[in-house]
PDB file of N, CA and C in Angstrom:
ATOM      1  N   VAL A   1      89.994  87.235  95.246  1.00  0.00           N
ATOM      2  CA  VAL A   1      91.056  87.073  96.518  1.00  0.00           C
ATOM      3  C   VAL A   1      90.222  86.871  97.447  1.00  0.00           C
ATOM      4  N   GLN A   2      90.182  85.887  98.086  1.00  0.00           N
ATOM      5  CA  GLN A   2      90.020  85.669  99.362  1.00  0.00           C
ATOM      6  C   GLN A   2      90.874  85.199 100.374  1.00  0.00           C
ATOM      7  N   ARG A   3      90.805  85.857 101.624  1.00  0.00           N
ATOM      8  CA  ARG A   3      92.086  85.751 102.735  1.00  0.00           C
ATOM      9  C   ARG A   3      91.654  85.652 103.872  1.00  0.00           C
ATOM     10  N   SER A   4      91.571  84.593 104.625  1.00  0.00           N
ATOM     11  CA  SER A   4      91.096  84.099 105.796  1.00  0.00           C
ATOM     12  C   SER A   4      92.208  84.869 106.771  1.00  0.00           C
ATOM     13  N   LYS A   5      91.440  85.718 107.866  1.00  0.00           N
ATOM     14  CA  LYS A   5      92.040  86.394 108.657  1.00  0.00           C
ATOM     15  C   LYS A   5      92.338  85.396 109.926  1.00  0.00           C
ATOM     16  N   THR A   6      91.699  84.648 109.838  1.00  0.00           N
ATOM     17  CA  THR A   6      92.110  83.432 111.027  1.00  0.00           C
ATOM     18  C   THR A   6      93.384  82.519 110.994  1.00  0.00           C
ATOM     19  N   LEU A   7      94.315  82.456 111.777  1.00  0.00           N
ATOM     20  CA  LEU A   7      95.165  82.074 112.060  1.00  0.00           C
ATOM     21  C   LEU A   7      95.147  80.339 112.532  1.00  0.00           C
ATOM     22  N   TYR A   8      95.403  79.454 111.275  1.00  0.00           N
ATOM     23  CA  TYR A   8      95.377  78.107 111.847  1.00  0.00           C
ATOM     24  C   TYR A   8      96.785  77.465 111.966  1.00  0.00           C
ATOM     25  N   ALA A   9      96.730  76.440 112.954  1.00  0.00           N
ATOM     26  CA  ALA A   9      98.031  75.584 112.669  1.00  0.00           C
ATOM     27  C   ALA A   9      98.258  74.891 111.474  1.00  0.00           C
ATOM     28  N   VAL A  10      99.135  74.531 110.948  1.00  0.00           N
ATOM     29  CA  VAL A  10      99.125  73.675 109.674  1.00  0.00           C
ATOM     30  C   VAL A  10      98.464  72.870 109.956  1.00  0.00           C
ATOM     31  N   GLU A  11      98.794  71.727 110.743  1.00  0.00           N
ATOM     32  CA  GLU A  11      97.988  70.418 111.244  1.00  0.00           C
ATOM     33  C   GLU A  11      96.522  70.699 110.911  1.00  0.00           C
ATOM     34  N   ALA A  12      95.648  71.716 111.461  1.00  0.00           N
ATOM     35  CA  ALA A  12      94.329  71.825 111.180  1.00  0.00           C
ATOM     36  C   ALA A  12      94.176  72.141 110.168  1.00  0.00           C
ATOM     37  N   LEU A  13      95.097  72.815 109.093  1.00  0.00           N
ATOM     38  CA  LEU A  13      94.648  72.939 107.793  1.00  0.00           C
ATOM     39  C   LEU A  13      94.766  71.538 106.912  1.00  0.00           C
ATOM     40  N   GLU A  14      95.973  70.811 107.314  1.00  0.00           N
ATOM     41  CA  GLU A  14      95.975  69.887 106.705  1.00  0.00           C
ATOM     42  C   GLU A  14      94.590  68.608 107.049  1.00  0.00           C
ATOM     43  N   ALA A  15      94.204  68.655 108.363  1.00  0.00           N
ATOM     44  CA  ALA A  15      93.022  67.945 108.505  1.00  0.00           C
ATOM     45  C   ALA A  15      91.726  68.220 107.493  1.00  0.00           C
ATOM     46  N   LYS A  16      91.614  69.756 107.178  1.00  0.00           N
ATOM     47  CA  LYS A  16      90.464  69.811 106.379  1.00  0.00           C
ATOM     48  C   LYS A  16      90.708  69.926 104.753  1.00  0.00           C
ATOM     49  N   GLY A  17      91.918  69.288 104.611  1.00  0.00           N
ATOM     50  CA  GLY A  17      92.459  68.715 103.178  1.00  0.00           C
ATOM     51  C   GLY A  17      93.416  69.763 103.058  1.00  0.00           C
ATOM     52  N   TYR A  18      93.974  70.675 103.169  1.00  0.00           N
ATOM     53  CA  TYR A  18      94.709  71.539 102.559  1.00  0.00           C
ATOM     54  C   TYR A  18      96.464  70.981 103.023  1.00  0.00           C
ATOM     55  N   ALA A  19      97.034  70.728 101.969  1.00  0.00           N
ATOM     56  CA  ALA A  19      98.492  70.237 102.326  1.00  0.00           C
ATOM     57  C   ALA A  19      99.268  71.463 101.495  1.00  0.00           C
ATOM     58  N   PRO A  20     100.575  71.600 102.404  1.00  0.00           N
ATOM     59  CA  PRO A  20     101.811  72.537 102.156  1.00  0.00           C
ATOM     60  C   PRO A  20     102.306  71.617 100.867  1.00  0.00           C
ATOM     61  N   SER A  21     103.005  72.627  99.996  1.00  0.00           N
ATOM     62  CA  SER A  21     103.560  71.963  98.805  1.00  0.00           C
ATOM     63  C   SER A  21     105.144  71.526  99.641  1.00  0.00           C
ATOM     64  N   VAL A  22     105.498  72.019 100.938  1.00  0.00           N
ATOM     65  CA  VAL A  22     106.816  71.724 101.182  1.00  0.00           C
ATOM     66  C   VAL A  22     106.466  70.821 102.896  1.00  0.00           C
ATOM     67  N   PRO A  23     107.574  70.252 103.460  1.00  0.00           N
ATOM     68  CA  PRO A  23     107.448  70.055 104.645  1.00  0.00           C
ATOM     69  C   PRO A  23     107.702  71.322 105.498  1.00  0.00           C
ATOM     70  N   VAL A  24     106.681  71.348 106.581  1.00  0.00           N
ATOM     71  CA  VAL A  24     106.587  72.858 107.548  1.00  0.00           C
ATOM     72  C   VAL A  24     106.224  72.086 108.823  1.00  0.00           C
ATOM     73  N   ALA A  25     106.655  72.707 110.131  1.00  0.00           N
ATOM     74  CA  ALA A  25     106.368  72.182 111.377  1.00  0.00           C
ATOM     75  C   ALA A  25     104.531  72.103 111.660  1.00  0.00           C
ATOM     76  N   PRO A  26     103.881  70.841 111.933  1.00  0.00           N
ATOM     77  CA  PRO A  26     102.286  70.920 112.070  1.00  0.00           C
ATOM     78  C   PRO A  26     101.806  72.218 112.931  1.00  0.00           C
ATOM     79  N   GLU A  27     102.763  72.524 113.780  1.00  0.00           N
ATOM     80  CA  GLU A  27     102.002  73.835 115.070  1.00  0.00           C
ATOM     81  C   GLU A  27     102.499  74.979 114.196  1.00  0.00           C
ATOM     82  N   LEU A  28     102.891  74.963 112.996  1.00  0.00           N
ATOM     83  CA  LEU A  28     103.402  76.227 112.550  1.00  0.00           C
ATOM     84  C   LEU A  28     101.845  77.433 112.454  1.00  0.00           C
ATOM     85  N   PRO A  29     101.717  78.425 112.632  1.00  0.00           N
ATOM     86  CA  PRO A  29     100.329  79.529 112.410  1.00  0.00           C
ATOM     87  C   PRO A  29     100.729  79.606 110.795  1.00  0.00           C
ATOM     88  N   ALA A  30      99.378  79.425 110.320  1.00  0.00           N
ATOM     89  CA  ALA A  30      99.396  79.712 109.091  1.00  0.00           C
ATOM     90  C   ALA A  30      97.776  80.008 108.434  1.00  0.00           C
ATOM     91  N   THR A  31      97.757  81.099 107.590  1.00  0.00           N
ATOM     92  CA  THR A  31      96.474  81.406 106.858  1.00  0.00           C
ATOM     93  C   THR A  31      96.062  80.958 105.784  1.00  0.00           C
ATOM     94  N   LEU A  32      94.942  80.857 105.190  1.00  0.00           N
ATOM     95  CA  LEU A  32      94.492  80.392 103.761  1.00  0.00           C
ATOM     96  C   LEU A  32      93.998  81.248 103.131  1.00  0.00           C
ATOM     97  N   LEU A  33      94.533  81.362 101.909  1.00  0.00           N
ATOM     98  CA  LEU A  33      94.790  82.626 100.765  1.00  0.00           C
ATOM     99  C   LEU A  33      93.684  81.654  99.592  1.00  0.00           C
ATOM    100  N   THR A  34      92.919  82.460  99.078  1.00  0.00           N
ATOM    101  CA  THR A  34      91.978  81.609  97.592  1.00  0.00           C
ATOM    102  C   THR A  34      92.492  82.655  96.744  1.00  0.00           C
ATOM    103  N   LEU A  35      93.189  82.180  95.443  1.00  0.00           N
ATOM    104  CA  LEU A  35      93.484  83.237  94.603  1.00  0.00           C
ATOM    105  C   LEU A  35      92.578  82.320  92.914  1.00  0.00           C
ATOM    106  N   GLN A  36      92.295  83.477  92.081  1.00  0.00           N
ATOM    107  CA  GLN A  36      91.560  82.750  90.973  1.00  0.00           C
ATOM    108  C   GLN A  36      92.827  82.693  90.368  1.00  0.00           C
ATOM    109  N   GLY A  37      92.809  81.147  89.840  1.00  0.00           N
ATOM    110  CA  GLY A  37      93.566  80.691  88.947  1.00  0.00           C
ATOM    111  C   GLY A  37      93.202  80.815  87.510  1.00  0.00           C
ATOM    112  N   VAL A  38      94.147  80.379  86.206  1.00  0.00           N
ATOM    113  CA  VAL A  38      93.841  79.888  85.357  1.00  0.00           C
ATOM    114  C   VAL A  38      92.550  79.187  85.084  1.00  0.00           C
ATOM    115  N   TYR A  39      92.945  77.962  85.706  1.00  0.00           N
ATOM    116  CA  TYR A  39      92.068  77.070  85.816  1.00  0.00           C
ATOM    117  C   TYR A  39      91.003  76.876  87.051  1.00  0.00           C
ATOM    118  N   GLY A  40      90.653  77.609  87.540  1.00  0.00           N
ATOM    119  CA  GLY A  40      90.102  77.856  88.945  1.00  0.00           C
ATOM    120  C   GLY A  40      90.560  78.406  90.204  1.00  0.00           C
ATOM    121  N   PRO A  41      89.811  78.399  91.343  1.00  0.00           N
ATOM    122  CA  PRO A  41      90.576  78.783  92.535  1.00  0.00           C
ATOM    123  C   PRO A  41      91.965  77.907  92.920  1.00  0.00           C
ATOM    124  N   GLU A  42      92.557  79.018  93.311  1.00  0.00           N
ATOM    125  CA  GLU A  42      94.389  78.197  93.759  1.00  0.00           C
ATOM    126  C   GLU A  42      94.195  78.169  95.315  1.00  0.00           C
ATOM    127  N   TYR A  43      94.284  77.528  95.932  1.00  0.00           N
ATOM    128  CA  TYR A  43      94.632  77.761  97.549  1.00  0.00           C
ATOM    129  C   TYR A  43      95.775  77.658  97.990  1.00  0.00           C
ATOM    130  N   TRP A  44      96.390  78.687  98.768  1.00  0.00           N
ATOM    131  CA  TRP A  44      97.770  78.810  99.191  1.00  0.00           C
ATOM    132  C   TRP A  44      97.799  79.134 100.732  1.00  0.00           C
ATOM    133  N   ILE A  45      98.670  78.345 101.801  1.00  0.00           N
ATOM    134  CA  ILE A  45      98.772  78.310 102.714  1.00  0.00           C
ATOM    135  C   ILE A  45     100.067  79.420 102.848  1.00  0.00           C
ATOM    136  N   THR A  46      99.819  80.365 103.630  1.00  0.00           N
ATOM    137  CA  THR A  46     100.715  81.448 103.780  1.00  0.00           C
ATOM    138  C   THR A  46     100.693  81.563 105.147  1.00  0.00           C
ATOM    139  N   PHE A  47     102.297  82.384 105.532  1.00  0.00           N
ATOM    140  CA  PHE A  47     103.034  82.472 106.921  1.00  0.00           C
ATOM    141  C   PHE A  47     103.046  83.706 107.272  1.00  0.00           C
ATOM    142  N   ALA A  48     103.905  83.857 108.436  1.00  0.00           N
ATOM    143  CA  ALA A  48     104.171  85.000 108.840  1.00  0.00           C
ATOM    144  C   ALA A  48     104.909  86.109 107.731  1.00  0.00           C
ATOM    145  N   ASN A  49     105.693  85.442 106.893  1.00  0.00           N
ATOM    146  CA  ASN A  49     106.404  86.076 106.041  1.00  0.00           C
ATOM    147  C   ASN A  49     105.376  86.772 104.921  1.00  0.00           C
ATOM    148  N   PHE A  50     104.484  86.203 104.542  1.00  0.00           N
ATOM    149  CA  PHE A  50     103.496  86.767 103.792  1.00  0.00           C
ATOM    150  C   PHE A  50     102.546  87.805 104.172  1.00  0.00           C
ATOM    151  N   ALA A  51     102.382  88.240 105.761  1.00  0.00           N
ATOM    152  CA  ALA A  51     101.528  89.183 106.341  1.00  0.00           C
ATOM    153  C   ALA A  51     102.834  90.228 106.200  1.00  0.00           C
ATOM    154  N   VAL A  52     103.994  90.007 106.640  1.00  0.00           N
ATOM    155  CA  VAL A  52     105.147  91.080 106.468  1.00  0.00           C
ATOM    156  C   VAL A  52     105.073  91.940 105.152  1.00  0.00           C
ATOM    157  N   ILE A  53     105.094  91.016 104.006  1.00  0.00           N
ATOM    158  CA  ILE A  53     105.073  91.661 102.609  1.00  0.00           C
ATOM    159  C   ILE A  53     103.713  92.292 102.601  1.00  0.00           C
ATOM    160  N   THR A  54     102.273  92.214 103.087  1.00  0.00           N
ATOM    161  CA  THR A  54     101.247  93.066 102.864  1.00  0.00           C
ATOM    162  C   THR A  54     101.225  94.234 104.043  1.00  0.00           C
ATOM    163  N   HIS A  55     101.992  94.318 104.584  1.00  0.00           N
ATOM    164  CA  HIS A  55     102.478  95.730 105.575  1.00  0.00           C
ATOM    165  C   HIS A  55     102.810  96.659 104.878  1.00  0.00           C
ATOM    166  N   TYR A  56     103.521  96.272 103.312  1.00  0.00           N
ATOM    167  CA  TYR A  56     104.164  97.400 102.825  1.00  0.00           C
ATOM    168  C   TYR A  56     102.923  97.898 101.580  1.00  0.00           C
ATOM    169  N   ASN A  57     102.321  96.644 101.206  1.00  0.00           N
ATOM    170  CA  ASN A  57     101.253  96.846  99.901  1.00  0.00           C
ATOM    171  C   ASN A  57     100.186  95.756 100.390  1.00  0.00           C
ATOM    172  N   ARG A  58      98.965  96.494 100.567  1.00  0.00           N
ATOM    173  CA  ARG A  58      98.264  95.352 101.263  1.00  0.00           C
ATOM    174  C   ARG A  58      97.194  94.786 100.343  1.00  0.00           C
ATOM    175  N   SER A  59      97.736  94.547  99.122  1.00  0.00           N
ATOM    176  CA  SER A  59      97.215  93.751  98.128  1.00  0.00           C
ATOM    177  C   SER A  59      97.889  92.038  98.192  1.00  0.00           C
ATOM    178  N   PRO A  60      96.911  91.531  98.361  1.00  0.00           N
ATOM    179  CA  PRO A  60      97.654  89.758  98.401  1.00  0.00           C
ATOM    180  C   PRO A  60      97.777  89.617  97.301  1.00  0.00           C
ATOM    181  N   LEU A  61      97.399  90.117  96.030  1.00  0.00           N
ATOM    182  CA  LEU A  61      98.709  89.821  94.587  1.00  0.00           C
ATOM    183  C   LEU A  61      99.343  90.283  94.993  1.00  0.00           C
ATOM    184  N   TYR A  62     100.083  91.315  95.165  1.00  0.00           N
ATOM    185  CA  TYR A  62     101.174  91.953  95.469  1.00  0.00           C
ATOM    186  C   TYR A  62     102.307  91.081  95.735  1.00  0.00           C
ATOM    187  N   ALA A  63     101.603  90.736  97.506  1.00  0.00           N
ATOM    188  CA  ALA A  63     102.379  89.574  98.267  1.00  0.00           C
ATOM    189  C   ALA A  63     102.735  88.412  97.413  1.00  0.00           C
ATOM    190  N   MET A  64     101.598  87.803  96.630  1.00  0.00           N
ATOM    191  CA  MET A  64     102.004  86.626  96.100  1.00  0.00           C
ATOM    192  C   MET A  64     102.914  86.836  94.775  1.00  0.00           C
ATOM    193  N   ALA A  65     103.032  87.807  94.066  1.00  0.00           N
ATOM    194  CA  ALA A  65     104.073  88.014  93.185  1.00  0.00           C
ATOM    195  C   ALA A  65     105.323  88.222  93.604  1.00  0.00           C
ATOM    196  N   VAL A  66     105.576  88.632  94.660  1.00  0.00           N
ATOM    197  CA  VAL A  66     106.830  88.867  95.780  1.00  0.00           C
ATOM    198  C   VAL A  66     107.401  87.515  96.313  1.00  0.00           C
ATOM    199  N   THR A  67     106.419  86.824  96.368  1.00  0.00           N
ATOM    200  CA  THR A  67     106.524  85.442  96.985  1.00  0.00           C
ATOM    201  C   THR A  67     107.061  84.248  95.554  1.00  0.00           C
ATOM    202  N   GLN A  68     106.608  84.968  94.858  1.00  0.00           N
ATOM    203  CA  GLN A  68     106.690  83.715  93.486  1.00  0.00           C
ATOM    204  C   GLN A  68     108.044  84.319  92.907  1.00  0.00           C
ATOM    205  N   LEU A  69     108.286  85.396  92.726  1.00  0.00           N
ATOM    206  CA  LEU A  69     109.400  85.981  92.074  1.00  0.00           C
ATOM    207  C   LEU A  69     110.820  85.251  92.999  1.00  0.00           C
ATOM    208  N   ALA A  70     110.323  85.434  94.752  1.00  0.00           N
ATOM    209  CA  ALA A  70     111.628  84.876  95.442  1.00  0.00           C
ATOM    210  C   ALA A  70     111.939  83.766  95.082  1.00  0.00           C
ATOM    211  N   ALA A  71     110.945  82.855  94.960  1.00  0.00           N
ATOM    212  CA  ALA A  71     111.035  81.225  94.737  1.00  0.00           C
ATOM    213  C   ALA A  71     111.824  81.146  93.601  1.00  0.00           C
ATOM    214  N   ALA A  72     111.235  82.125  92.494  1.00  0.00           N
ATOM    215  CA  ALA A  72     112.006  81.840  91.366  1.00  0.00           C
ATOM    216  C   ALA A  72     113.606  81.857  91.491  1.00  0.00           C
ATOM    217  N   ILE A  73     113.701  83.380  91.785  1.00  0.00           N
ATOM    218  CA  ILE A  73     115.222  83.290  92.061  1.00  0.00           C
ATOM    219  C   ILE A  73     115.970  82.377  92.777  1.00  0.00           C
ATOM    220  N   GLN A  74     115.441  82.157  93.912  1.00  0.00           N
ATOM    221  CA  GLN A  74     115.882  80.896  94.567  1.00  0.00           C
ATOM    222  C   GLN A  74     115.963  79.606  93.941  1.00  0.00           C
ATOM    223  N   ARG A  75     115.291  78.847  93.127  1.00  0.00           N
ATOM    224  CA  ARG A  75     115.476  78.022  91.961  1.00  0.00           C
ATOM    225  C   ARG A  75     116.384  78.389  90.968  1.00  0.00           C
ATOM    226  N   ALA A  76     116.420  79.543  90.620  1.00  0.00           N
ATOM    227  CA  ALA A  76     117.956  79.943  89.458  1.00  0.00           C
ATOM    228  C   ALA A  76     119.128  79.864  90.399  1.00  0.00           C
ATOM    229  N   ALA A  77     119.189  80.432  91.607  1.00  0.00           N
ATOM    230  CA  ALA A  77     120.570  80.666  92.114  1.00  0.00           C
ATOM    231  C   ALA A  77     120.961  78.862  92.373  1.00  0.00           C
ATOM    232  N   ALA A  78     120.269  78.103  92.777  1.00  0.00           N
ATOM    233  CA  ALA A  78     120.384  76.748  93.122  1.00  0.00           C
ATOM    234  C   ALA A  78     121.078  76.199  91.482  1.00  0.00           C
ATOM    235  N   VAL A  79     120.263  76.662  90.377  1.00  0.00           N
ATOM    236  CA  VAL A  79     120.507  75.900  89.564  1.00  0.00           C
ATOM    237  C   VAL A  79     121.843  76.437  88.720  1.00  0.00           C
ATOM    238  N   SER A  80     122.367  77.610  89.081  1.00  0.00           N
ATOM    239  CA  SER A  80     123.303  78.334  88.785  1.00  0.00           C
ATOM    240  C   SER A  80     124.488  77.869  89.564  1.00  0.00           C
ATOM    241  N   SER A  81     124.521  77.708  90.704  1.00  0.00           N
ATOM    242  CA  SER A  81     125.538  77.182  91.851  1.00  0.00           C
ATOM    243  C   SER A  81     126.129  75.606  91.348  1.00  0.00           C
ATOM    244  N   VAL A  82     125.361  74.824  90.534  1.00  0.00           N
ATOM    245  CA  VAL A  82     125.727  73.362  90.295  1.00  0.00           C
ATOM    246  C   VAL A  82     126.755  73.708  88.863  1.00  0.00           C
ATOM    247  N   ARG A  83     128.128  73.407  89.231  1.00  0.00           N
ATOM    248  CA  ARG A  83     129.078  73.718  87.805  1.00  0.00           C
ATOM    249  C   ARG A  83     129.053  72.008  87.232  1.00  0.00           C
ATOM    250  N   PRO A  84     129.432  72.124  86.035  1.00  0.00           N
ATOM    251  CA  PRO A  84     129.842  70.762  85.215  1.00  0.00           C
ATOM    252  C   PRO A  84     130.890  69.879  86.083  1.00  0.00           C
ATOM    253  N   GLY A  85     130.723  68.559  86.379  1.00  0.00           N
ATOM    254  CA  GLY A  85     131.327  68.003  87.398  1.00  0.00           C
ATOM    255  C   GLY A  85     131.569  68.160  88.490  1.00  0.00           C
ATOM    256  N   SER A  86     130.737  68.958  89.363  1.00  0.00           N
ATOM    257  CA  SER A  86     130.453  69.175  90.648  1.00  0.00           C
ATOM    258  C   SER A  86     129.185  68.514  91.005  1.00  0.00           C
ATOM    259  N   ALA A  87     129.095  68.044  92.484  1.00  0.00           N
ATOM    260  CA  ALA A  87     128.104  67.380  92.829  1.00  0.00           C
ATOM    261  C   ALA A  87     127.246  68.334  93.068  1.00  0.00           C
ATOM    262  N   PRO A  88     125.654  68.150  93.341  1.00  0.00           N
ATOM    263  CA  PRO A  88     124.898  69.378  93.645  1.00  0.00           C
ATOM    264  C   PRO A  88     124.486  69.482  94.802  1.00  0.00           C
TER     265      PRO A  88
END
């Protein structure tokens, strides 16, 4: 795990070739996190909420697990809120 301690504006990370997976404000401060994935390094752009999680447990892997769990819960909630015959 490699975590940059430097804060960058998202647009500065984009200029270096890193792109967020969702639209975010270009001036939003962010850091770059590198994790070892199954197929090689994974690069994650992290924001203040990620730093808040690491105040409880300093492990970036723990914070990543919390982040991914929250995303999975959000996706499941979106799917379960769509009922047959209703518009999403």
